[in-house]
Amino acid sequence: MNIVMFGFFQEATGLSGAIDREPRGDRPQDAVPAAGDPLAVVMTALFNLMLNLVVVFVFILAFGVTPTWTWLLLPVVIALLATLTLAIG
């Protein structure tokens, strides 16, 4: 689970930093604000995270781990991590 969460953070921050170095000459300046680029990267990475979490939960349940009530806090942790990632990006 931790590797998947770190993979999300690494993907989103790495791609957000790479966007600033790309030239913006191929699109009009006022069509999409520059602040929307990191948001798009984080949302894409968040979609990838959700797909990875499906696989993780399949493996967790296949190995017989019983769910506990603390699993309900996972959306809160993901929201906080996405906010932190967006701020860093």
PDB file of N, CA and C in Angstrom:
ATOM      1  N   MET A   1       0.831  -1.193   0.000  1.00  0.00           N
ATOM      2  CA  MET A   1       0.000   0.000   0.000  1.00  0.00           C
ATOM      3  C   MET A   1       0.871   1.251   0.000  1.00  0.00           C
ATOM      4  N   ASN A   2       1.927   1.242   0.814  1.00  0.00           N
ATOM      5  CA  ASN A   2       2.789   2.425   0.887  1.00  0.00           C
ATOM      6  C   ASN A   2       3.514   2.677  -0.417  1.00  0.00           C
ATOM      7  N   ILE A   3       3.906   1.623  -1.100  1.00  0.00           N
ATOM      8  CA  ILE A   3       4.606   1.799  -2.376  1.00  0.00           C
ATOM      9  C   ILE A   3       3.668   2.407  -3.411  1.00  0.00           C
ATOM     10  N   VAL A   4       2.419   2.007  -3.400  1.00  0.00           N
ATOM     11  CA  VAL A   4       1.445   2.564  -4.345  1.00  0.00           C
ATOM     12  C   VAL A   4       1.206   4.037  -4.040  1.00  0.00           C
ATOM     13  N   MET A   5       1.091   4.387  -2.773  1.00  0.00           N
ATOM     14  CA  MET A   5       0.876   5.790  -2.396  1.00  0.00           C
ATOM     15  C   MET A   5       2.093   6.641  -2.768  1.00  0.00           C
ATOM     16  N   PHE A   6       3.292   6.118  -2.508  1.00  0.00           N
ATOM     17  CA  PHE A   6       4.486   6.855  -2.873  1.00  0.00           C
ATOM     18  C   PHE A   6       4.621   6.970  -4.392  1.00  0.00           C
ATOM     19  N   GLY A   7       4.202   5.945  -5.110  1.00  0.00           N
ATOM     20  CA  GLY A   7       4.228   5.996  -6.565  1.00  0.00           C
ATOM     21  C   GLY A   7       3.349   7.116  -7.096  1.00  0.00           C
ATOM     22  N   PHE A   8       2.190   7.318  -6.480  1.00  0.00           N
ATOM     23  CA  PHE A   8       1.320   8.440  -6.849  1.00  0.00           C
ATOM     24  C   PHE A   8       2.029   9.765  -6.622  1.00  0.00           C
ATOM     25  N   PHE A   9       2.611   9.921  -5.453  1.00  0.00           N
ATOM     26  CA  PHE A   9       3.303  11.162  -5.121  1.00  0.00           C
ATOM     27  C   PHE A   9       4.467  11.414  -6.076  1.00  0.00           C
ATOM     28  N   GLN A  10       5.229  10.390  -6.352  1.00  0.00           N
ATOM     29  CA  GLN A  10       6.383  10.518  -7.230  1.00  0.00           C
ATOM     30  C   GLN A  10       5.958  10.853  -8.658  1.00  0.00           C
ATOM     31  N   GLU A  11       4.933  10.184  -9.152  1.00  0.00           N
ATOM     32  CA  GLU A  11       4.465  10.440 -10.517  1.00  0.00           C
ATOM     33  C   GLU A  11       3.947  11.864 -10.670  1.00  0.00           C
ATOM     34  N   ALA A  12       3.125  12.293  -9.732  1.00  0.00           N
ATOM     35  CA  ALA A  12       2.504  13.611  -9.840  1.00  0.00           C
ATOM     36  C   ALA A  12       3.519  14.740  -9.672  1.00  0.00           C
ATOM     37  N   THR A  13       4.401  14.640  -8.703  1.00  0.00           N
ATOM     38  CA  THR A  13       5.373  15.716  -8.510  1.00  0.00           C
ATOM     39  C   THR A  13       6.414  15.728  -9.625  1.00  0.00           C
ATOM     40  N   GLY A  14       6.811  14.565 -10.094  1.00  0.00           N
ATOM     41  CA  GLY A  14       7.788  14.514 -11.175  1.00  0.00           C
ATOM     42  C   GLY A  14       7.256  15.104 -12.467  1.00  0.00           C
ATOM     43  N   LEU A  15       6.025  14.767 -12.819  1.00  0.00           N
ATOM     44  CA  LEU A  15       5.447  15.295 -14.050  1.00  0.00           C
ATOM     45  C   LEU A  15       5.054  16.760 -13.914  1.00  0.00           C
ATOM     46  N   SER A  16       4.673  17.186 -12.717  1.00  0.00           N
ATOM     47  CA  SER A  16       4.346  18.603 -12.517  1.00  0.00           C
ATOM     48  C   SER A  16       5.578  19.476 -12.696  1.00  0.00           C
ATOM     49  N   GLY A  17       6.703  18.996 -12.231  1.00  0.00           N
ATOM     50  CA  GLY A  17       7.939  19.749 -12.406  1.00  0.00           C
ATOM     51  C   GLY A  17       8.397  19.777 -13.843  1.00  0.00           C
ATOM     52  N   ALA A  18       8.121  18.733 -14.590  1.00  0.00           N
ATOM     53  CA  ALA A  18       8.530  18.680 -15.992  1.00  0.00           C
ATOM     54  C   ALA A  18       7.673  19.580 -16.863  1.00  0.00           C
ATOM     55  N   ILE A  19       6.454  19.856 -16.465  1.00  0.00           N
ATOM     56  CA  ILE A  19       5.572  20.701 -17.271  1.00  0.00           C
ATOM     57  C   ILE A  19       6.097  22.129 -17.332  1.00  0.00           C
ATOM     58  N   ASP A  20       6.667  22.631 -16.243  1.00  0.00           N
ATOM     59  CA  ASP A  20       7.140  24.012 -16.219  1.00  0.00           C
ATOM     60  C   ASP A  20       8.295  24.237 -17.177  1.00  0.00           C
ATOM     61  N   ARG A  21       9.020  23.189 -17.516  1.00  0.00           N
ATOM     62  CA  ARG A  21      10.169  23.344 -18.401  1.00  0.00           C
ATOM     63  C   ARG A  21       9.805  23.213 -19.874  1.00  0.00           C
ATOM     64  N   GLU A  22       8.568  22.783 -20.157  1.00  0.00           N
ATOM     65  CA  GLU A  22       8.150  22.642 -21.543  1.00  0.00           C
ATOM     66  C   GLU A  22       7.741  23.999 -22.105  1.00  0.00           C
ATOM     67  N   PRO A  23       8.068  24.250 -23.362  1.00  0.00           N
ATOM     68  CA  PRO A  23       7.611  25.509 -23.968  1.00  0.00           C
ATOM     69  C   PRO A  23       6.100  25.488 -24.176  1.00  0.00           C
ATOM     70  N   ARG A  24       5.477  26.632 -24.012  1.00  0.00           N
ATOM     71  CA  ARG A  24       4.034  26.733 -24.166  1.00  0.00           C
ATOM     72  C   ARG A  24       3.668  27.321 -25.525  1.00  0.00           C
ATOM     73  N   GLY A  25       4.552  27.230 -26.494  1.00  0.00           N
ATOM     74  CA  GLY A  25       4.311  27.837 -27.787  1.00  0.00           C
ATOM     75  C   GLY A  25       3.267  27.134 -28.623  1.00  0.00           C
ATOM     76  N   ASP A  26       2.942  25.895 -28.332  1.00  0.00           N
ATOM     77  CA  ASP A  26       1.997  25.151 -29.161  1.00  0.00           C
ATOM     78  C   ASP A  26       0.543  25.425 -28.805  1.00  0.00           C
ATOM     79  N   ARG A  27       0.268  26.155 -27.734  1.00  0.00           N
ATOM     80  CA  ARG A  27      -1.109  26.467 -27.382  1.00  0.00           C
ATOM     81  C   ARG A  27      -1.225  27.948 -27.033  1.00  0.00           C
ATOM     82  N   PRO A  28      -2.373  28.506 -27.245  1.00  0.00           N
ATOM     83  CA  PRO A  28      -2.551  29.930 -26.915  1.00  0.00           C
ATOM     84  C   PRO A  28      -2.353  30.173 -25.426  1.00  0.00           C
ATOM     85  N   GLN A  29      -1.840  31.325 -25.107  1.00  0.00           N
ATOM     86  CA  GLN A  29      -1.512  31.632 -23.713  1.00  0.00           C
ATOM     87  C   GLN A  29      -2.750  31.710 -22.825  1.00  0.00           C
ATOM     88  N   ASP A  30      -3.844  32.240 -23.329  1.00  0.00           N
ATOM     89  CA  ASP A  30      -4.997  32.407 -22.454  1.00  0.00           C
ATOM     90  C   ASP A  30      -6.025  31.289 -22.608  1.00  0.00           C
ATOM     91  N   ALA A  31      -5.734  30.251 -23.390  1.00  0.00           N
ATOM     92  CA  ALA A  31      -6.682  29.146 -23.533  1.00  0.00           C
ATOM     93  C   ALA A  31      -6.753  28.319 -22.250  1.00  0.00           C
ATOM     94  N   VAL A  32      -5.609  27.971 -21.693  1.00  0.00           N
ATOM     95  CA  VAL A  32      -5.544  27.195 -20.453  1.00  0.00           C
ATOM     96  C   VAL A  32      -4.545  27.881 -19.539  1.00  0.00           C
ATOM     97  N   PRO A  33      -4.956  28.301 -18.358  1.00  0.00           N
ATOM     98  CA  PRO A  33      -3.995  28.935 -17.459  1.00  0.00           C
ATOM     99  C   PRO A  33      -2.912  27.955 -17.023  1.00  0.00           C
ATOM    100  N   ALA A  34      -1.738  28.483 -16.768  1.00  0.00           N
ATOM    101  CA  ALA A  34      -0.604  27.639 -16.384  1.00  0.00           C
ATOM    102  C   ALA A  34      -0.847  26.924 -15.058  1.00  0.00           C
ATOM    103  N   ALA A  35      -1.684  27.488 -14.203  1.00  0.00           N
ATOM    104  CA  ALA A  35      -1.969  26.848 -12.913  1.00  0.00           C
ATOM    105  C   ALA A  35      -2.787  25.575 -13.082  1.00  0.00           C
ATOM    106  N   GLY A  36      -3.444  25.402 -14.216  1.00  0.00           N
ATOM    107  CA  GLY A  36      -4.243  24.204 -14.444  1.00  0.00           C
ATOM    108  C   GLY A  36      -3.419  23.001 -14.827  1.00  0.00           C
ATOM    109  N   ASP A  37      -2.185  23.214 -15.257  1.00  0.00           N
ATOM    110  CA  ASP A  37      -1.346  22.096 -15.668  1.00  0.00           C
ATOM    111  C   ASP A  37      -1.026  21.142 -14.521  1.00  0.00           C
ATOM    112  N   PRO A  38      -0.557  21.620 -13.380  1.00  0.00           N
ATOM    113  CA  PRO A  38      -0.312  20.682 -12.271  1.00  0.00           C
ATOM    114  C   PRO A  38      -1.589  19.990 -11.791  1.00  0.00           C
ATOM    115  N   LEU A  39      -2.710  20.687 -11.865  1.00  0.00           N
ATOM    116  CA  LEU A  39      -3.974  20.072 -11.467  1.00  0.00           C
ATOM    117  C   LEU A  39      -4.312  18.903 -12.386  1.00  0.00           C
ATOM    118  N   ALA A  40      -4.096  19.072 -13.671  1.00  0.00           N
ATOM    119  CA  ALA A  40      -4.358  17.990 -14.619  1.00  0.00           C
ATOM    120  C   ALA A  40      -3.428  16.810 -14.371  1.00  0.00           C
ATOM    121  N   VAL A  41      -2.174  17.093 -14.041  1.00  0.00           N
ATOM    122  CA  VAL A  41      -1.218  16.019 -13.767  1.00  0.00           C
ATOM    123  C   VAL A  41      -1.616  15.264 -12.504  1.00  0.00           C
ATOM    124  N   VAL A  42      -2.011  15.976 -11.468  1.00  0.00           N
ATOM    125  CA  VAL A  42      -2.398  15.329 -10.208  1.00  0.00           C
ATOM    126  C   VAL A  42      -3.675  14.523 -10.401  1.00  0.00           C
ATOM    127  N   MET A  43      -4.608  15.017 -11.172  1.00  0.00           N
ATOM    128  CA  MET A  43      -5.839  14.267 -11.411  1.00  0.00           C
ATOM    129  C   MET A  43      -5.561  12.986 -12.203  1.00  0.00           C
ATOM    130  N   THR A  44      -4.650  13.066 -13.172  1.00  0.00           N
ATOM    131  CA  THR A  44      -4.273  11.869 -13.925  1.00  0.00           C
ATOM    132  C   THR A  44      -3.584  10.858 -13.010  1.00  0.00           C
ATOM    133  N   ALA A  45      -2.674  11.340 -12.176  1.00  0.00           N
ATOM    134  CA  ALA A  45      -1.994  10.448 -11.237  1.00  0.00           C
ATOM    135  C   ALA A  45      -2.979   9.876 -10.221  1.00  0.00           C
ATOM    136  N   LEU A  46      -3.982  10.649  -9.844  1.00  0.00           N
ATOM    137  CA  LEU A  46      -5.006  10.171  -8.914  1.00  0.00           C
ATOM    138  C   LEU A  46      -5.843   9.059  -9.551  1.00  0.00           C
ATOM    139  N   PHE A  47      -6.136   9.190 -10.833  1.00  0.00           N
ATOM    140  CA  PHE A  47      -6.841   8.121 -11.542  1.00  0.00           C
ATOM    141  C   PHE A  47      -5.998   6.846 -11.568  1.00  0.00           C
ATOM    142  N   ASN A  48      -4.704   6.991 -11.840  1.00  0.00           N
ATOM    143  CA  ASN A  48      -3.804   5.836 -11.817  1.00  0.00           C
ATOM    144  C   ASN A  48      -3.740   5.216 -10.424  1.00  0.00           C
ATOM    145  N   LEU A  49      -3.748   6.054  -9.401  1.00  0.00           N
ATOM    146  CA  LEU A  49      -3.742   5.557  -8.019  1.00  0.00           C
ATOM    147  C   LEU A  49      -4.981   4.724  -7.735  1.00  0.00           C
ATOM    148  N   MET A  50      -6.132   5.183  -8.193  1.00  0.00           N
ATOM    149  CA  MET A  50      -7.366   4.429  -7.948  1.00  0.00           C
ATOM    150  C   MET A  50      -7.312   3.056  -8.635  1.00  0.00           C
ATOM    151  N   LEU A  51      -6.779   3.008  -9.840  1.00  0.00           N
ATOM    152  CA  LEU A  51      -6.644   1.716 -10.514  1.00  0.00           C
ATOM    153  C   LEU A  51      -5.667   0.806  -9.779  1.00  0.00           C
ATOM    154  N   ASN A  52      -4.583   1.374  -9.283  1.00  0.00           N
ATOM    155  CA  ASN A  52      -3.614   0.577  -8.530  1.00  0.00           C
ATOM    156  C   ASN A  52      -4.196   0.092  -7.203  1.00  0.00           C
ATOM    157  N   LEU A  53      -5.029   0.915  -6.578  1.00  0.00           N
ATOM    158  CA  LEU A  53      -5.618   0.508  -5.301  1.00  0.00           C
ATOM    159  C   LEU A  53      -6.598  -0.647  -5.476  1.00  0.00           C
ATOM    160  N   VAL A  54      -7.260  -0.713  -6.623  1.00  0.00           N
ATOM    161  CA  VAL A  54      -8.136  -1.854  -6.882  1.00  0.00           C
ATOM    162  C   VAL A  54      -7.320  -3.143  -6.856  1.00  0.00           C
ATOM    163  N   VAL A  55      -6.168  -3.116  -7.510  1.00  0.00           N
ATOM    164  CA  VAL A  55      -5.299  -4.294  -7.538  1.00  0.00           C
ATOM    165  C   VAL A  55      -4.770  -4.612  -6.138  1.00  0.00           C
ATOM    166  N   VAL A  56      -4.398  -3.586  -5.406  1.00  0.00           N
ATOM    167  CA  VAL A  56      -3.885  -3.786  -4.046  1.00  0.00           C
ATOM    168  C   VAL A  56      -4.956  -4.429  -3.167  1.00  0.00           C
ATOM    169  N   PHE A  57      -6.190  -3.952  -3.248  1.00  0.00           N
ATOM    170  CA  PHE A  57      -7.255  -4.516  -2.416  1.00  0.00           C
ATOM    171  C   PHE A  57      -7.584  -5.948  -2.816  1.00  0.00           C
ATOM    172  N   VAL A  58      -7.466  -6.268  -4.086  1.00  0.00           N
ATOM    173  CA  VAL A  58      -7.667  -7.656  -4.503  1.00  0.00           C
ATOM    174  C   VAL A  58      -6.621  -8.548  -3.842  1.00  0.00           C
ATOM    175  N   PHE A  59      -5.366  -8.105  -3.862  1.00  0.00           N
ATOM    176  CA  PHE A  59      -4.317  -8.900  -3.227  1.00  0.00           C
ATOM    177  C   PHE A  59      -4.482  -8.959  -1.712  1.00  0.00           C
ATOM    178  N   ILE A  60      -4.881  -7.857  -1.104  1.00  0.00           N
ATOM    179  CA  ILE A  60      -5.083  -7.845   0.348  1.00  0.00           C
ATOM    180  C   ILE A  60      -6.165  -8.844   0.752  1.00  0.00           C
ATOM    181  N   LEU A  61      -7.264  -8.823   0.034  1.00  0.00           N
ATOM    182  CA  LEU A  61      -8.357  -9.745   0.362  1.00  0.00           C
ATOM    183  C   LEU A  61      -8.015 -11.178  -0.007  1.00  0.00           C
ATOM    184  N   ALA A  62      -7.205 -11.362  -1.073  1.00  0.00           N
ATOM    185  CA  ALA A  62      -6.804 -12.717  -1.464  1.00  0.00           C
ATOM    186  C   ALA A  62      -5.900 -13.352  -0.419  1.00  0.00           C
ATOM    187  N   PHE A  63      -5.107 -12.525   0.275  1.00  0.00           N
ATOM    188  CA  PHE A  63      -4.225 -13.058   1.301  1.00  0.00           C
ATOM    189  C   PHE A  63      -4.920 -13.196   2.652  1.00  0.00           C
ATOM    190  N   GLY A  64      -6.211 -12.901   2.707  1.00  0.00           N
ATOM    191  CA  GLY A  64      -6.984 -13.155   3.916  1.00  0.00           C
ATOM    192  C   GLY A  64      -6.901 -12.079   4.976  1.00  0.00           C
ATOM    193  N   VAL A  65      -6.509 -10.883   4.608  1.00  0.00           N
ATOM    194  CA  VAL A  65      -6.480  -9.789   5.581  1.00  0.00           C
ATOM    195  C   VAL A  65      -7.916  -9.318   5.803  1.00  0.00           C
ATOM    196  N   THR A  66      -8.327  -9.269   7.049  1.00  0.00           N
ATOM    197  CA  THR A  66      -9.691  -8.833   7.339  1.00  0.00           C
ATOM    198  C   THR A  66      -9.731  -7.307   7.437  1.00  0.00           C
ATOM    199  N   PRO A  67     -10.722  -6.698   6.808  1.00  0.00           N
ATOM    200  CA  PRO A  67     -10.843  -5.237   6.869  1.00  0.00           C
ATOM    201  C   PRO A  67     -11.166  -4.763   8.280  1.00  0.00           C
ATOM    202  N   THR A  68     -10.657  -3.606   8.626  1.00  0.00           N
ATOM    203  CA  THR A  68     -10.967  -2.990   9.914  1.00  0.00           C
ATOM    204  C   THR A  68     -11.611  -1.635   9.663  1.00  0.00           C
ATOM    205  N   TRP A  69     -12.110  -1.028  10.698  1.00  0.00           N
ATOM    206  CA  TRP A  69     -12.788   0.256  10.557  1.00  0.00           C
ATOM    207  C   TRP A  69     -11.826   1.355  10.135  1.00  0.00           C
ATOM    208  N   THR A  70     -10.539   1.206  10.383  1.00  0.00           N
ATOM    209  CA  THR A  70      -9.577   2.244  10.006  1.00  0.00           C
ATOM    210  C   THR A  70      -9.404   2.346   8.490  1.00  0.00           C
ATOM    211  N   TRP A  71      -9.842   1.349   7.750  1.00  0.00           N
ATOM    212  CA  TRP A  71      -9.774   1.428   6.285  1.00  0.00           C
ATOM    213  C   TRP A  71     -10.691   2.534   5.760  1.00  0.00           C
ATOM    214  N   LEU A  72     -11.674   2.931   6.559  1.00  0.00           N
ATOM    215  CA  LEU A  72     -12.578   4.005   6.152  1.00  0.00           C
ATOM    216  C   LEU A  72     -11.872   5.359   6.108  1.00  0.00           C
ATOM    217  N   LEU A  73     -10.704   5.448   6.725  1.00  0.00           N
ATOM    218  CA  LEU A  73      -9.939   6.697   6.705  1.00  0.00           C
ATOM    219  C   LEU A  73      -9.077   6.840   5.454  1.00  0.00           C
ATOM    220  N   LEU A  74      -9.040   5.832   4.613  1.00  0.00           N
ATOM    221  CA  LEU A  74      -8.216   5.885   3.406  1.00  0.00           C
ATOM    222  C   LEU A  74      -8.595   7.041   2.480  1.00  0.00           C
ATOM    223  N   PRO A  75      -9.868   7.340   2.227  1.00  0.00           N
ATOM    224  CA  PRO A  75     -10.177   8.502   1.386  1.00  0.00           C
ATOM    225  C   PRO A  75      -9.671   9.822   1.960  1.00  0.00           C
ATOM    226  N   VAL A  76      -9.669   9.942   3.278  1.00  0.00           N
ATOM    227  CA  VAL A  76      -9.142  11.162   3.912  1.00  0.00           C
ATOM    228  C   VAL A  76      -7.643  11.264   3.673  1.00  0.00           C
ATOM    229  N   VAL A  77      -6.937  10.157   3.826  1.00  0.00           N
ATOM    230  CA  VAL A  77      -5.492  10.145   3.598  1.00  0.00           C
ATOM    231  C   VAL A  77      -5.181  10.459   2.142  1.00  0.00           C
ATOM    232  N   ILE A  78      -5.951   9.905   1.230  1.00  0.00           N
ATOM    233  CA  ILE A  78      -5.730  10.168  -0.196  1.00  0.00           C
ATOM    234  C   ILE A  78      -6.013  11.631  -0.523  1.00  0.00           C
ATOM    235  N   ALA A  79      -7.063  12.199   0.054  1.00  0.00           N
ATOM    236  CA  ALA A  79      -7.369  13.614  -0.188  1.00  0.00           C
ATOM    237  C   ALA A  79      -6.258  14.519   0.344  1.00  0.00           C
ATOM    238  N   LEU A  80      -5.748  14.213   1.531  1.00  0.00           N
ATOM    239  CA  LEU A  80      -4.645  15.006   2.081  1.00  0.00           C
ATOM    240  C   LEU A  80      -3.378  14.863   1.243  1.00  0.00           C
ATOM    241  N   LEU A  81      -3.096  13.655   0.791  1.00  0.00           N
ATOM    242  CA  LEU A  81      -1.916  13.433  -0.043  1.00  0.00           C
ATOM    243  C   LEU A  81      -2.064  14.137  -1.384  1.00  0.00           C
ATOM    244  N   ALA A  82      -3.249  14.104  -1.965  1.00  0.00           N
ATOM    245  CA  ALA A  82      -3.476  14.801  -3.241  1.00  0.00           C
ATOM    246  C   ALA A  82      -3.337  16.308  -3.079  1.00  0.00           C
ATOM    247  N   THR A  83      -3.807  16.849  -1.963  1.00  0.00           N
ATOM    248  CA  THR A  83      -3.661  18.276  -1.698  1.00  0.00           C
ATOM    249  C   THR A  83      -2.195  18.656  -1.523  1.00  0.00           C
ATOM    250  N   LEU A  84      -1.467  17.877  -0.775  1.00  0.00           N
ATOM    251  CA  LEU A  84      -0.032  18.122  -0.604  1.00  0.00           C
ATOM    252  C   LEU A  84       0.712  18.032  -1.929  1.00  0.00           C
ATOM    253  N   THR A  85       0.364  17.025  -2.719  1.00  0.00           N
ATOM    254  CA  THR A  85       1.012  16.845  -4.011  1.00  0.00           C
ATOM    255  C   THR A  85       0.718  18.002  -4.945  1.00  0.00           C
ATOM    256  N   LEU A  86      -0.513  18.474  -4.953  1.00  0.00           N
ATOM    257  CA  LEU A  86      -0.876  19.616  -5.779  1.00  0.00           C
ATOM    258  C   LEU A  86      -0.136  20.874  -5.338  1.00  0.00           C
ATOM    259  N   ALA A  87      -0.003  21.054  -4.037  1.00  0.00           N
ATOM    260  CA  ALA A  87       0.722  22.222  -3.533  1.00  0.00           C
ATOM    261  C   ALA A  87       2.206  22.172  -3.918  1.00  0.00           C
ATOM    262  N   ILE A  88       2.793  21.008  -3.860  1.00  0.00           N
ATOM    263  CA  ILE A  88       4.197  20.876  -4.232  1.00  0.00           C
ATOM    264  C   ILE A  88       4.365  21.013  -5.742  1.00  0.00           C
ATOM    265  N   GLY A  89       3.409  20.452  -6.492  1.00  0.00           N
ATOM    266  CA  GLY A  89       3.484  20.521  -7.956  1.00  0.00           C
ATOM    267  C   GLY A  89       3.310  21.931  -8.447  1.00  0.00           C
TER     268      GLY A  89
END
